[in-house]
Structures are given as structure tokens and as C-alpha cells.
């Protein structure tokens, strides 16, 4: 998915808030999260039509909002 989202991702060794594509964010999750089930749950959340969302895993978290919905309350 090439849709741009505004997202934050945090693990003990990496933290960022930036605009990136959904695929780029999923890649960051898959590359940096050790618990496979949690990574897949977060990726599935990103692949829905949700305007925004957040996932808190074991020692990591991610949140996003779709920039195409900039006027939405988040």
C-alpha cells in the first residue's frame, strides 16, 4: 500500500514520528518486533480502512493516522 500515514513507532532502540507509507511502517514493525504474533496483529490493523489506530505490544508501540483524513479528530 502506497498510502501515506503519519505514524509513530517506539522500541527501546528506535523511536520516530514521521510520514511514511503503510508498507514502510509494516516493514519497520516486522524488522524490529521480536514477537511475531504482535507484529502480525499490528500489520493487520494497518491494512484496514481505519482512519487512525494504535497498538501497544510487549516493549514497543505504534500509532498512525491516515493523512488523507487530515480533518479527522484524532
PDB file of N, CA and C in Angstrom:
ATOM      1  N   UNK A   1       0.839  -1.179   0.000  1.00  0.00           N
ATOM      2  CA  UNK A   1       0.000   0.000   0.000  1.00  0.00           C
ATOM      3  C   UNK A   1       0.880   1.238   0.000  1.00  0.00           C
ATOM      4  N   UNK A   2       0.642   2.102  -0.920  1.00  0.00           N
ATOM      5  CA  UNK A   2       1.482   3.288  -1.008  1.00  0.00           C
ATOM      6  C   UNK A   2       0.855   4.495  -0.321  1.00  0.00           C
ATOM      7  N   UNK A   3      -0.276   4.299   0.347  1.00  0.00           N
ATOM      8  CA  UNK A   3      -0.921   5.404   1.052  1.00  0.00           C
ATOM      9  C   UNK A   3       0.005   5.933   2.150  1.00  0.00           C
ATOM     10  N   UNK A   4       0.066   7.247   2.286  1.00  0.00           N
ATOM     11  CA  UNK A   4       0.914   7.877   3.299  1.00  0.00           C
ATOM     12  C   UNK A   4       0.150   7.982   4.615  1.00  0.00           C
ATOM     13  N   UNK A   5       0.822   7.632   5.698  1.00  0.00           N
ATOM     14  CA  UNK A   5       0.270   7.801   7.038  1.00  0.00           C
ATOM     15  C   UNK A   5       1.264   8.589   7.876  1.00  0.00           C
ATOM     16  N   UNK A   6       0.739   9.303   8.864  1.00  0.00           N
ATOM     17  CA  UNK A   6       1.582   9.953   9.857  1.00  0.00           C
ATOM     18  C   UNK A   6       1.656   8.959  11.002  1.00  0.00           C
ATOM     19  N   UNK A   7       2.861   8.581  11.401  1.00  0.00           N
ATOM     20  CA  UNK A   7       2.981   7.484  12.357  1.00  0.00           C
ATOM     21  C   UNK A   7       4.093   7.707  13.361  1.00  0.00           C
ATOM     22  N   UNK A   8       3.938   7.038  14.480  1.00  0.00           N
ATOM     23  CA  UNK A   8       4.973   6.996  15.490  1.00  0.00           C
ATOM     24  C   UNK A   8       5.265   5.553  15.814  1.00  0.00           C
ATOM     25  N   UNK A   9       6.526   5.231  16.001  1.00  0.00           N
ATOM     26  CA  UNK A   9       6.950   3.867  16.310  1.00  0.00           C
ATOM     27  C   UNK A   9       8.005   3.965  17.395  1.00  0.00           C
ATOM     28  N   UNK A  10       7.895   3.108  18.409  1.00  0.00           N
ATOM     29  CA  UNK A  10       8.853   3.186  19.501  1.00  0.00           C
ATOM     30  C   UNK A  10       9.192   1.804  20.043  1.00  0.00           C
ATOM     31  N   UNK A  11      10.481   1.525  20.087  1.00  0.00           N
ATOM     32  CA  UNK A  11      11.053   0.386  20.776  1.00  0.00           C
ATOM     33  C   UNK A  11      12.240   0.939  21.565  1.00  0.00           C
ATOM     34  N   UNK A  12      12.822   0.170  22.464  1.00  0.00           N
ATOM     35  CA  UNK A  12      13.930   0.719  23.257  1.00  0.00           C
ATOM     36  C   UNK A  12      15.097   1.264  22.424  1.00  0.00           C
ATOM     37  N   UNK A  13      15.329   0.723  21.228  1.00  0.00           N
ATOM     38  CA  UNK A  13      16.485   1.135  20.433  1.00  0.00           C
ATOM     39  C   UNK A  13      16.144   2.038  19.254  1.00  0.00           C
ATOM     40  N   UNK A  14      14.855   2.341  19.040  1.00  0.00           N
ATOM     41  CA  UNK A  14      14.443   3.146  17.890  1.00  0.00           C
ATOM     42  C   UNK A  14      13.149   3.865  18.212  1.00  0.00           C
ATOM     43  N   UNK A  15      13.084   5.128  17.841  1.00  0.00           N
ATOM     44  CA  UNK A  15      11.862   5.897  18.040  1.00  0.00           C
ATOM     45  C   UNK A  15      11.767   6.930  16.939  1.00  0.00           C
ATOM     46  N   UNK A  16      10.580   7.037  16.320  1.00  0.00           N
ATOM     47  CA  UNK A  16      10.398   8.081  15.313  1.00  0.00           C
ATOM     48  C   UNK A  16       8.932   8.455  15.198  1.00  0.00           C
ATOM     49  N   UNK A  17       8.709   9.668  14.721  1.00  0.00           N
ATOM     50  CA  UNK A  17       7.402  10.157  14.311  1.00  0.00           C
ATOM     51  C   UNK A  17       7.630  10.774  12.951  1.00  0.00           C
ATOM     52  N   UNK A  18       6.950  10.251  11.922  1.00  0.00           N
ATOM     53  CA  UNK A  18       7.168  10.750  10.573  1.00  0.00           C
ATOM     54  C   UNK A  18       6.052  10.306   9.647  1.00  0.00           C
ATOM     55  N   UNK A  19       6.053  10.854   8.456  1.00  0.00           N
ATOM     56  CA  UNK A  19       5.143  10.422   7.404  1.00  0.00           C
ATOM     57  C   UNK A  19       5.851   9.353   6.584  1.00  0.00           C
ATOM     58  N   UNK A  20       5.157   8.244   6.330  1.00  0.00           N
ATOM     59  CA  UNK A  20       5.701   7.173   5.523  1.00  0.00           C
ATOM     60  C   UNK A  20       4.543   6.347   4.977  1.00  0.00           C
ATOM     61  N   UNK A  21       4.834   5.443   4.062  1.00  0.00           N
ATOM     62  CA  UNK A  21       3.770   4.619   3.508  1.00  0.00           C
ATOM     63  C   UNK A  21       3.417   3.515   4.500  1.00  0.00           C
ATOM     64  N   UNK A  22       2.246   2.955   4.320  1.00  0.00           N
ATOM     65  CA  UNK A  22       1.826   1.846   5.172  1.00  0.00           C
ATOM     66  C   UNK A  22       2.821   0.695   5.049  1.00  0.00           C
ATOM     67  N   UNK A  23       3.260   0.390   3.827  1.00  0.00           N
ATOM     68  CA  UNK A  23       4.235  -0.693   3.644  1.00  0.00           C
ATOM     69  C   UNK A  23       5.540  -0.416   4.374  1.00  0.00           C
ATOM     70  N   UNK A  24       6.003   0.824   4.335  1.00  0.00           N
ATOM     71  CA  UNK A  24       7.239   1.163   5.048  1.00  0.00           C
ATOM     72  C   UNK A  24       7.063   0.972   6.552  1.00  0.00           C
ATOM     73  N   UNK A  25       5.902   1.363   7.076  1.00  0.00           N
ATOM     74  CA  UNK A  25       5.654   1.191   8.504  1.00  0.00           C
ATOM     75  C   UNK A  25       5.559  -0.292   8.857  1.00  0.00           C
ATOM     76  N   UNK A  26       4.889  -1.069   8.051  1.00  0.00           N
ATOM     77  CA  UNK A  26       4.813  -2.516   8.288  1.00  0.00           C
ATOM     78  C   UNK A  26       6.216  -3.123   8.252  1.00  0.00           C
ATOM     79  N   UNK A  27       7.050  -2.698   7.312  1.00  0.00           N
ATOM     80  CA  UNK A  27       8.432  -3.196   7.245  1.00  0.00           C
ATOM     81  C   UNK A  27       9.185  -2.892   8.541  1.00  0.00           C
ATOM     82  N   UNK A  28       9.021  -1.683   9.076  1.00  0.00           N
ATOM     83  CA  UNK A  28       9.685  -1.321  10.335  1.00  0.00           C
ATOM     84  C   UNK A  28       9.223  -2.225  11.472  1.00  0.00           C
ATOM     85  N   UNK A  29       7.924  -2.494  11.520  1.00  0.00           N
ATOM     86  CA  UNK A  29       7.388  -3.362  12.567  1.00  0.00           C
ATOM     87  C   UNK A  29       7.969  -4.762  12.437  1.00  0.00           C
ATOM     88  N   UNK A  30       7.902  -5.336  11.248  1.00  0.00           N
ATOM     89  CA  UNK A  30       8.381  -6.703  11.025  1.00  0.00           C
ATOM     90  C   UNK A  30       9.874  -6.825  11.319  1.00  0.00           C
ATOM     91  N   UNK A  31      10.655  -5.826  10.942  1.00  0.00           N
ATOM     92  CA  UNK A  31      12.109  -5.868  11.149  1.00  0.00           C
ATOM     93  C   UNK A  31      12.508  -5.674  12.603  1.00  0.00           C
ATOM     94  N   UNK A  32      11.683  -4.977  13.386  1.00  0.00           N
ATOM     95  CA  UNK A  32      12.109  -4.579  14.726  1.00  0.00           C
ATOM     96  C   UNK A  32      11.348  -5.204  15.887  1.00  0.00           C
ATOM     97  N   UNK A  33      10.282  -5.926  15.626  1.00  0.00           N
ATOM     98  CA  UNK A  33       9.492  -6.524  16.699  1.00  0.00           C
ATOM     99  C   UNK A  33       9.789  -8.021  16.768  1.00  0.00           C
ATOM    100  N   UNK A  34      10.129  -8.485  17.960  1.00  0.00           N
ATOM    101  CA  UNK A  34      10.514  -9.878  18.148  1.00  0.00           C
ATOM    102  C   UNK A  34       9.333 -10.834  18.288  1.00  0.00           C
ATOM    103  N   UNK A  35       8.184 -10.335  18.721  1.00  0.00           N
ATOM    104  CA  UNK A  35       7.021 -11.199  18.943  1.00  0.00           C
ATOM    105  C   UNK A  35       6.200 -11.224  17.655  1.00  0.00           C
ATOM    106  N   UNK A  36       6.300 -12.336  16.929  1.00  0.00           N
ATOM    107  CA  UNK A  36       5.689 -12.461  15.609  1.00  0.00           C
ATOM    108  C   UNK A  36       4.186 -12.168  15.634  1.00  0.00           C
ATOM    109  N   UNK A  37       3.472 -12.735  16.586  1.00  0.00           N
ATOM    110  CA  UNK A  37       2.026 -12.537  16.665  1.00  0.00           C
ATOM    111  C   UNK A  37       1.647 -11.083  16.832  1.00  0.00           C
ATOM    112  N   UNK A  38       2.394 -10.359  17.660  1.00  0.00           N
ATOM    113  CA  UNK A  38       2.129  -8.933  17.855  1.00  0.00           C
ATOM    114  C   UNK A  38       2.402  -8.154  16.572  1.00  0.00           C
ATOM    115  N   UNK A  39       3.478  -8.474  15.901  1.00  0.00           N
ATOM    116  CA  UNK A  39       3.816  -7.776  14.651  1.00  0.00           C
ATOM    117  C   UNK A  39       2.719  -7.991  13.622  1.00  0.00           C
ATOM    118  N   UNK A  40       2.200  -9.212  13.532  1.00  0.00           N
ATOM    119  CA  UNK A  40       1.145  -9.510  12.559  1.00  0.00           C
ATOM    120  C   UNK A  40      -0.162  -8.828  12.918  1.00  0.00           C
ATOM    121  N   UNK A  41      -0.493  -8.725  14.217  1.00  0.00           N
ATOM    122  CA  UNK A  41      -1.702  -8.013  14.640  1.00  0.00           C
ATOM    123  C   UNK A  41      -1.613  -6.532  14.275  1.00  0.00           C
ATOM    124  N   UNK A  42      -0.463  -5.928  14.516  1.00  0.00           N
ATOM    125  CA  UNK A  42      -0.278  -4.515  14.182  1.00  0.00           C
ATOM    126  C   UNK A  42      -0.344  -4.310  12.671  1.00  0.00           C
ATOM    127  N   UNK A  43       0.276  -5.183  11.906  1.00  0.00           N
ATOM    128  CA  UNK A  43       0.228  -5.081  10.447  1.00  0.00           C
ATOM    129  C   UNK A  43      -1.205  -5.208   9.947  1.00  0.00           C
ATOM    130  N   UNK A  44      -1.967  -6.131  10.515  1.00  0.00           N
ATOM    131  CA  UNK A  44      -3.368  -6.305  10.115  1.00  0.00           C
ATOM    132  C   UNK A  44      -4.172  -5.046  10.400  1.00  0.00           C
ATOM    133  N   UNK A  45      -3.897  -4.388  11.520  1.00  0.00           N
ATOM    134  CA  UNK A  45      -4.578  -3.138  11.854  1.00  0.00           C
ATOM    135  C   UNK A  45      -4.298  -2.082  10.789  1.00  0.00           C
ATOM    136  N   UNK A  46      -3.075  -2.024  10.317  1.00  0.00           N
ATOM    137  CA  UNK A  46      -2.699  -1.026   9.317  1.00  0.00           C
ATOM    138  C   UNK A  46      -3.333  -1.296   7.959  1.00  0.00           C
ATOM    139  N   UNK A  47      -3.689  -2.532   7.700  1.00  0.00           N
ATOM    140  CA  UNK A  47      -4.260  -2.893   6.409  1.00  0.00           C
ATOM    141  C   UNK A  47      -5.781  -2.736   6.357  1.00  0.00           C
ATOM    142  N   UNK A  48      -6.386  -2.199   7.416  1.00  0.00           N
ATOM    143  CA  UNK A  48      -7.828  -1.940   7.425  1.00  0.00           C
ATOM    144  C   UNK A  48      -8.090  -0.538   6.881  1.00  0.00           C
ATOM    145  N   UNK A  49      -9.349  -0.153   6.866  1.00  0.00           N
ATOM    146  CA  UNK A  49      -9.733   1.189   6.427  1.00  0.00           C
ATOM    147  C   UNK A  49      -9.806   2.184   7.587  1.00  0.00           C
ATOM    148  N   UNK A  50      -9.295   1.810   8.755  1.00  0.00           N
ATOM    149  CA  UNK A  50      -9.356   2.682   9.927  1.00  0.00           C
ATOM    150  C   UNK A  50      -8.658   4.010   9.646  1.00  0.00           C
ATOM    151  N   UNK A  51      -9.258   5.100  10.112  1.00  0.00           N
ATOM    152  CA  UNK A  51      -8.673   6.428   9.936  1.00  0.00           C
ATOM    153  C   UNK A  51      -7.432   6.584  10.807  1.00  0.00           C
ATOM    154  N   UNK A  52      -7.469   5.976  11.994  1.00  0.00           N
ATOM    155  CA  UNK A  52      -6.326   6.048  12.902  1.00  0.00           C
ATOM    156  C   UNK A  52      -6.333   4.814  13.784  1.00  0.00           C
ATOM    157  N   UNK A  53      -5.237   4.590  14.451  1.00  0.00           N
ATOM    158  CA  UNK A  53      -5.159   3.444  15.337  1.00  0.00           C
ATOM    159  C   UNK A  53      -3.859   3.426  16.106  1.00  0.00           C
ATOM    160  N   UNK A  54      -3.813   2.555  17.088  1.00  0.00           N
ATOM    161  CA  UNK A  54      -2.611   2.400  17.909  1.00  0.00           C
ATOM    162  C   UNK A  54      -2.517   0.953  18.354  1.00  0.00           C
ATOM    163  N   UNK A  55      -1.302   0.500  18.554  1.00  0.00           N
ATOM    164  CA  UNK A  55      -1.059  -0.849  19.045  1.00  0.00           C
ATOM    165  C   UNK A  55       0.095  -0.779  20.027  1.00  0.00           C
ATOM    166  N   UNK A  56      -0.110  -1.359  21.203  1.00  0.00           N
ATOM    167  CA  UNK A  56       0.953  -1.419  22.205  1.00  0.00           C
ATOM    168  C   UNK A  56       1.298  -2.881  22.415  1.00  0.00           C
ATOM    169  N   UNK A  57       2.510  -3.234  22.048  1.00  0.00           N
ATOM    170  CA  UNK A  57       2.981  -4.601  22.214  1.00  0.00           C
ATOM    171  C   UNK A  57       3.862  -4.723  23.440  1.00  0.00           C
ATOM    172  N   UNK A  58       4.570  -5.830  23.527  1.00  0.00           N
ATOM    173  CA  UNK A  58       5.483  -6.089  24.628  1.00  0.00           C
ATOM    174  C   UNK A  58       6.772  -5.303  24.403  1.00  0.00           C
ATOM    175  N   UNK A  59       6.892  -4.152  25.041  1.00  0.00           N
ATOM    176  CA  UNK A  59       8.090  -3.326  24.915  1.00  0.00           C
ATOM    177  C   UNK A  59       8.139  -2.463  23.667  1.00  0.00           C
ATOM    178  N   UNK A  60       7.024  -2.303  22.977  1.00  0.00           N
ATOM    179  CA  UNK A  60       7.015  -1.473  21.778  1.00  0.00           C
ATOM    180  C   UNK A  60       5.607  -0.936  21.535  1.00  0.00           C
ATOM    181  N   UNK A  61       5.511   0.106  20.719  1.00  0.00           N
ATOM    182  CA  UNK A  61       4.200   0.652  20.367  1.00  0.00           C
ATOM    183  C   UNK A  61       4.266   1.335  19.007  1.00  0.00           C
ATOM    184  N   UNK A  62       3.106   1.427  18.383  1.00  0.00           N
ATOM    185  CA  UNK A  62       2.974   2.102  17.100  1.00  0.00           C
ATOM    186  C   UNK A  62       1.619   2.801  17.074  1.00  0.00           C
ATOM    187  N   UNK A  63       1.549   3.942  16.439  1.00  0.00           N
ATOM    188  CA  UNK A  63       0.275   4.618  16.206  1.00  0.00           C
ATOM    189  C   UNK A  63       0.320   5.219  14.813  1.00  0.00           C
ATOM    190  N   UNK A  64      -0.851   5.491  14.250  1.00  0.00           N
ATOM    191  CA  UNK A  64      -0.895   6.075  12.921  1.00  0.00           C
ATOM    192  C   UNK A  64      -2.188   6.849  12.722  1.00  0.00           C
ATOM    193  N   UNK A  65      -2.153   7.761  11.756  1.00  0.00           N
ATOM    194  CA  UNK A  65      -3.375   8.357  11.251  1.00  0.00           C
ATOM    195  C   UNK A  65      -3.162   8.618   9.779  1.00  0.00           C
ATOM    196  N   UNK A  66      -4.192   8.345   9.025  1.00  0.00           N
ATOM    197  CA  UNK A  66      -4.118   8.498   7.570  1.00  0.00           C
ATOM    198  C   UNK A  66      -4.152   9.975   7.220  1.00  0.00           C
ATOM    199  N   UNK A  67      -3.157  10.429   6.493  1.00  0.00           N
ATOM    200  CA  UNK A  67      -3.068  11.851   6.163  1.00  0.00           C
ATOM    201  C   UNK A  67      -4.159  12.288   5.212  1.00  0.00           C
ATOM    202  N   UNK A  68      -4.790  11.341   4.524  1.00  0.00           N
ATOM    203  CA  UNK A  68      -5.900  11.690   3.639  1.00  0.00           C
ATOM    204  C   UNK A  68      -7.135  12.110   4.446  1.00  0.00           C
ATOM    205  N   UNK A  69      -7.088  11.910   5.759  1.00  0.00           N
ATOM    206  CA  UNK A  69      -8.175  12.309   6.645  1.00  0.00           C
ATOM    207  C   UNK A  69      -7.691  13.385   7.614  1.00  0.00           C
ATOM    208  N   UNK A  70      -6.946  14.342   7.138  1.00  0.00           N
ATOM    209  CA  UNK A  70      -6.304  15.351   7.982  1.00  0.00           C
ATOM    210  C   UNK A  70      -7.305  16.122   8.834  1.00  0.00           C
ATOM    211  N   UNK A  71      -8.537  16.246   8.397  1.00  0.00           N
ATOM    212  CA  UNK A  71      -9.525  16.969   9.171  1.00  0.00           C
ATOM    213  C   UNK A  71     -10.188  16.144  10.251  1.00  0.00           C
ATOM    214  N   UNK A  72      -9.826  14.882  10.354  1.00  0.00           N
ATOM    215  CA  UNK A  72     -10.435  13.994  11.328  1.00  0.00           C
ATOM    216  C   UNK A  72      -9.918  14.288  12.724  1.00  0.00           C
ATOM    217  N   UNK A  73     -10.766  14.023  13.711  1.00  0.00           N
ATOM    218  CA  UNK A  73     -10.353  14.138  15.089  1.00  0.00           C
ATOM    219  C   UNK A  73      -9.508  12.919  15.413  1.00  0.00           C
ATOM    220  N   UNK A  74      -8.370  13.143  16.031  1.00  0.00           N
ATOM    221  CA  UNK A  74      -7.504  12.019  16.387  1.00  0.00           C
ATOM    222  C   UNK A  74      -6.932  12.183  17.760  1.00  0.00           C
TER     223      UNK A  74
END
